[in-house]
PDB file of N, CA and C in Angstrom:
ATOM      1  N   MET A   1      11.796 -22.842-177.278  1.00  0.00           N
ATOM      2  CA  MET A   1      12.083 -21.814-176.285  1.00  0.00           C
ATOM      3  C   MET A   1      11.065 -21.955-175.151  1.00  0.00           C
ATOM      4  N   THR A   2      11.560 -21.981-173.933  1.00  0.00           N
ATOM      5  CA  THR A   2      10.665 -22.120-172.788  1.00  0.00           C
ATOM      6  C   THR A   2       9.928 -20.809-172.541  1.00  0.00           C
ATOM      7  N   LYS A   3       8.895 -20.885-171.736  1.00  0.00           N
ATOM      8  CA  LYS A   3       8.105 -19.697-171.408  1.00  0.00           C
ATOM      9  C   LYS A   3       8.982 -18.628-170.744  1.00  0.00           C
ATOM     10  N   SER A   4       9.873 -19.042-169.850  1.00  0.00           N
ATOM     11  CA  SER A   4      10.774 -18.088-169.186  1.00  0.00           C
ATOM     12  C   SER A   4      11.684 -17.402-170.199  1.00  0.00           C
ATOM     13  N   GLN A   5      12.218 -18.169-171.134  1.00  0.00           N
ATOM     14  CA  GLN A   5      13.082 -17.591-172.158  1.00  0.00           C
ATOM     15  C   GLN A   5      12.307 -16.608-173.038  1.00  0.00           C
ATOM     16  N   GLU A   6      11.067 -16.937-173.350  1.00  0.00           N
ATOM     17  CA  GLU A   6      10.230 -16.032-174.142  1.00  0.00           C
ATOM     18  C   GLU A   6       9.989 -14.731-173.386  1.00  0.00           C
ATOM     19  N   ASN A   7       9.705 -14.841-172.094  1.00  0.00           N
ATOM     20  CA  ASN A   7       9.466 -13.656-171.268  1.00  0.00           C
ATOM     21  C   ASN A   7      10.710 -12.780-171.189  1.00  0.00           C
ATOM     22  N   ILE A   8      11.865 -13.401-171.034  1.00  0.00           N
ATOM     23  CA  ILE A   8      13.121 -12.654-170.968  1.00  0.00           C
ATOM     24  C   ILE A   8      13.363 -11.930-172.290  1.00  0.00           C
ATOM     25  N   LYS A   9      13.167 -12.626-173.391  1.00  0.00           N
ATOM     26  CA  LYS A   9      13.386 -12.031-174.707  1.00  0.00           C
ATOM     27  C   LYS A   9      12.426 -10.856-174.937  1.00  0.00           C
ATOM     28  N   ARG A  10      11.157 -11.036-174.586  1.00  0.00           N
ATOM     29  CA  ARG A  10      10.186  -9.951-174.751  1.00  0.00           C
ATOM     30  C   ARG A  10      10.532  -8.755-173.872  1.00  0.00           C
ATOM     31  N   SER A  11      10.997  -9.033-172.665  1.00  0.00           N
ATOM     32  CA  SER A  11      11.397  -7.941-171.765  1.00  0.00           C
ATOM     33  C   SER A  11      12.583  -7.175-172.335  1.00  0.00           C
ATOM     34  N   GLN A  12      13.563  -7.901-172.871  1.00  0.00           N
ATOM     35  CA  GLN A  12      14.722  -7.251-173.481  1.00  0.00           C
ATOM     36  C   GLN A  12      14.295  -6.385-174.658  1.00  0.00           C
ATOM     37  N   GLU A  13      13.428  -6.922-175.501  1.00  0.00           N
ATOM     38  CA  GLU A  13      12.957  -6.166-176.658  1.00  0.00           C
ATOM     39  C   GLU A  13      12.192  -4.914-176.228  1.00  0.00           C
ATOM     40  N   PHE A  14      11.392  -5.032-175.179  1.00  0.00           N
ATOM     41  CA  PHE A  14      10.640  -3.891-174.660  1.00  0.00           C
ATOM     42  C   PHE A  14      11.581  -2.802-174.158  1.00  0.00           C
ATOM     43  N   ILE A  15      12.553  -3.190-173.347  1.00  0.00           N
ATOM     44  CA  ILE A  15      13.499  -2.224-172.792  1.00  0.00           C
ATOM     45  C   ILE A  15      14.288  -1.559-173.915  1.00  0.00           C
ATOM     46  N   GLN A  16      14.731  -2.348-174.887  1.00  0.00           N
ATOM     47  CA  GLN A  16      15.483  -1.782-175.998  1.00  0.00           C
ATOM     48  C   GLN A  16      14.629  -0.796-176.803  1.00  0.00           C
ATOM     49  N   ARG A  17      13.366  -1.115-177.013  1.00  0.00           N
ATOM     50  CA  ARG A  17      12.475  -0.230-177.767  1.00  0.00           C
ATOM     51  C   ARG A  17      12.262   1.093-177.022  1.00  0.00           C
ATOM     52  N   ILE A  18      12.011   0.997-175.717  1.00  0.00           N
ATOM     53  CA  ILE A  18      11.790   2.200-174.917  1.00  0.00           C
ATOM     54  C   ILE A  18      13.052   3.061-174.875  1.00  0.00           C
ATOM     55  N   MET A  19      14.199   2.444-174.684  1.00  0.00           N
ATOM     56  CA  MET A  19      15.452   3.208-174.651  1.00  0.00           C
ATOM     57  C   MET A  19      15.681   3.919-175.979  1.00  0.00           C
ATOM     58  N   LYS A  20      15.345   3.268-177.084  1.00  0.00           N
ATOM     59  CA  LYS A  20      15.527   3.874-178.404  1.00  0.00           C
ATOM     60  C   LYS A  20      14.516   4.997-178.629  1.00  0.00           C
ATOM     61  N   GLU A  21      13.242   4.744-178.322  1.00  0.00           N
ATOM     62  CA  GLU A  21      12.190   5.731-178.571  1.00  0.00           C
ATOM     63  C   GLU A  21      12.322   6.959-177.689  1.00  0.00           C
ATOM     64  N   ARG A  22      12.567   6.756-176.426  1.00  0.00           N
ATOM     65  CA  ARG A  22      12.543   7.880-175.481  1.00  0.00           C
ATOM     66  C   ARG A  22      13.883   8.552-175.268  1.00  0.00           C
ATOM     67  N   PHE A  23      14.961   7.791-175.421  1.00  0.00           N
ATOM     68  CA  PHE A  23      16.279   8.338-175.117  1.00  0.00           C
ATOM     69  C   PHE A  23      17.246   8.303-176.289  1.00  0.00           C
ATOM     70  N   GLY A  24      16.808   7.719-177.410  1.00  0.00           N
ATOM     71  CA  GLY A  24      17.658   7.646-178.594  1.00  0.00           C
ATOM     72  C   GLY A  24      18.898   6.797-178.409  1.00  0.00           C
ATOM     73  N   GLN A  25      18.826   5.815-177.512  1.00  0.00           N
ATOM     74  CA  GLN A  25      19.991   4.980-177.220  1.00  0.00           C
ATOM     75  C   GLN A  25      19.741   3.535-177.624  1.00  0.00           C
ATOM     76  N   ASP A  26      20.758   2.935-178.242  1.00  0.00           N
ATOM     77  CA  ASP A  26      20.721   1.508-178.544  1.00  0.00           C
ATOM     78  C   ASP A  26      21.393   0.787-177.377  1.00  0.00           C
ATOM     79  N   VAL A  27      20.739  -0.245-176.862  1.00  0.00           N
ATOM     80  CA  VAL A  27      21.285  -0.999-175.741  1.00  0.00           C
ATOM     81  C   VAL A  27      21.498  -2.447-176.200  1.00  0.00           C
ATOM     82  N   PRO A  28      22.753  -2.886-176.289  1.00  0.00           N
ATOM     83  CA  PRO A  28      23.041  -4.263-176.717  1.00  0.00           C
ATOM     84  C   PRO A  28      22.512  -5.290-175.703  1.00  0.00           C
ATOM     85  N   ASP A  29      22.167  -6.470-176.207  1.00  0.00           N
ATOM     86  CA  ASP A  29      21.677  -7.554-175.347  1.00  0.00           C
ATOM     87  C   ASP A  29      22.626  -7.828-174.185  1.00  0.00           C
ATOM     88  N   GLU A  30      23.932  -7.809-174.468  1.00  0.00           N
ATOM     89  CA  GLU A  30      24.922  -8.120-173.437  1.00  0.00           C
ATOM     90  C   GLU A  30      24.846  -7.119-172.273  1.00  0.00           C
ATOM     91  N   ASP A  31      24.631  -5.864-172.608  1.00  0.00           N
ATOM     92  CA  ASP A  31      24.530  -4.841-171.557  1.00  0.00           C
ATOM     93  C   ASP A  31      23.278  -5.041-170.708  1.00  0.00           C
ATOM     94  N   LEU A  32      22.177  -5.423-171.353  1.00  0.00           N
ATOM     95  CA  LEU A  32      20.945  -5.689-170.603  1.00  0.00           C
ATOM     96  C   LEU A  32      21.112  -6.888-169.683  1.00  0.00           C
ATOM     97  N   GLU A  33      21.756  -7.926-170.181  1.00  0.00           N
ATOM     98  CA  GLU A  33      21.970  -9.130-169.371  1.00  0.00           C
ATOM     99  C   GLU A  33      22.851  -8.814-168.167  1.00  0.00           C
ATOM    100  N   ARG A  34      23.899  -8.026-168.382  1.00  0.00           N
ATOM    101  CA  ARG A  34      24.796  -7.647-167.284  1.00  0.00           C
ATOM    102  C   ARG A  34      24.047  -6.806-166.255  1.00  0.00           C
ATOM    103  N   ALA A  35      23.229  -5.879-166.716  1.00  0.00           N
ATOM    104  CA  ALA A  35      22.458  -5.036-165.798  1.00  0.00           C
ATOM    105  C   ALA A  35      21.460  -5.871-164.998  1.00  0.00           C
ATOM    106  N   ALA A  36      20.850  -6.854-165.640  1.00  0.00           N
ATOM    107  CA  ALA A  36      19.902  -7.717-164.942  1.00  0.00           C
ATOM    108  C   ALA A  36      20.603  -8.535-163.860  1.00  0.00           C
ATOM    109  N   ARG A  37      21.788  -9.056-164.173  1.00  0.00           N
ATOM    110  CA  ARG A  37      22.555  -9.808-163.165  1.00  0.00           C
ATOM    111  C   ARG A  37      22.941  -8.902-161.999  1.00  0.00           C
ATOM    112  N   ASP A  38      23.396  -7.692-162.311  1.00  0.00           N
ATOM    113  CA  ASP A  38      23.774  -6.750-161.251  1.00  0.00           C
ATOM    114  C   ASP A  38      22.583  -6.426-160.362  1.00  0.00           C
ATOM    115  N   LEU A  39      21.424  -6.227-160.982  1.00  0.00           N
ATOM    116  CA  LEU A  39      20.220  -5.919-160.216  1.00  0.00           C
ATOM    117  C   LEU A  39      19.851  -7.097-159.316  1.00  0.00           C
ATOM    118  N   CYS A  40      19.896  -8.303-159.852  1.00  0.00           N
ATOM    119  CA  CYS A  40      19.572  -9.485-159.042  1.00  0.00           C
ATOM    120  C   CYS A  40      20.563  -9.656-157.891  1.00  0.00           C
ATOM    121  N   ASP A  41      21.825  -9.383-158.154  1.00  0.00           N
ATOM    122  CA  ASP A  41      22.843  -9.487-157.101  1.00  0.00           C
ATOM    123  C   ASP A  41      22.611  -8.476-155.985  1.00  0.00           C
ATOM    124  N   ALA A  42      21.966  -7.367-156.310  1.00  0.00           N
ATOM    125  CA  ALA A  42      21.733  -6.316-155.316  1.00  0.00           C
ATOM    126  C   ALA A  42      20.521  -6.584-154.428  1.00  0.00           C
ATOM    127  N   ILE A  43      19.725  -7.578-154.763  1.00  0.00           N
ATOM    128  CA  ILE A  43      18.529  -7.886-153.982  1.00  0.00           C
ATOM    129  C   ILE A  43      18.945  -8.574-152.683  1.00  0.00           C
ATOM    130  N   PRO A  44      18.609  -7.989-151.531  1.00  0.00           N
ATOM    131  CA  PRO A  44      18.986  -8.586-150.247  1.00  0.00           C
ATOM    132  C   PRO A  44      18.372  -9.987-150.081  1.00  0.00           C
ATOM    133  N   GLY A  45      19.171 -10.886-149.557  1.00  0.00           N
ATOM    134  CA  GLY A  45      18.684 -12.224-149.262  1.00  0.00           C
ATOM    135  C   GLY A  45      18.662 -13.165-150.443  1.00  0.00           C
ATOM    136  N   ARG A  46      19.023 -12.690-151.616  1.00  0.00           N
ATOM    137  CA  ARG A  46      19.030 -13.553-152.801  1.00  0.00           C
ATOM    138  C   ARG A  46      20.299 -14.381-152.783  1.00  0.00           C
ATOM    139  N   GLU A  47      20.119 -15.690-152.945  1.00  0.00           N
ATOM    140  CA  GLU A  47      21.276 -16.570-152.991  1.00  0.00           C
ATOM    141  C   GLU A  47      21.922 -16.479-154.354  1.00  0.00           C
ATOM    142  N   LYS A  48      23.227 -16.431-154.373  1.00  0.00           N
ATOM    143  CA  LYS A  48      23.970 -16.387-155.634  1.00  0.00           C
ATOM    144  C   LYS A  48      23.907 -17.757-156.302  1.00  0.00           C
ATOM    145  N   GLU A  49      23.801 -17.737-157.647  1.00  0.00           N
ATOM    146  CA  GLU A  49      23.790 -18.989-158.400  1.00  0.00           C
ATOM    147  C   GLU A  49      25.202 -19.549-158.439  1.00  0.00           C
ATOM    148  N   ALA A  50      25.276 -20.859-158.489  1.00  0.00           N
ATOM    149  CA  ALA A  50      26.581 -21.505-158.581  1.00  0.00           C
ATOM    150  C   ALA A  50      27.178 -21.222-159.951  1.00  0.00           C
ATOM    151  N   ALA A  51      28.454 -20.951-159.984  1.00  0.00           N
ATOM    152  CA  ALA A  51      29.130 -20.616-161.255  1.00  0.00           C
ATOM    153  C   ALA A  51      29.324 -21.822-162.124  1.00  0.00           C
TER     154      ALA A  51
END
């Protein structure tokens, strides 16, 4: 696993833990990935990745 992949995985685990502890919600990996893509797409000037 590359360093970037490790960072992404740790970030997902952190967000999932906080959502569970503070809000009592389970957030599936797929939902986090979709939210991250949506957030990146909303950043002005960011070039879209080729499909």
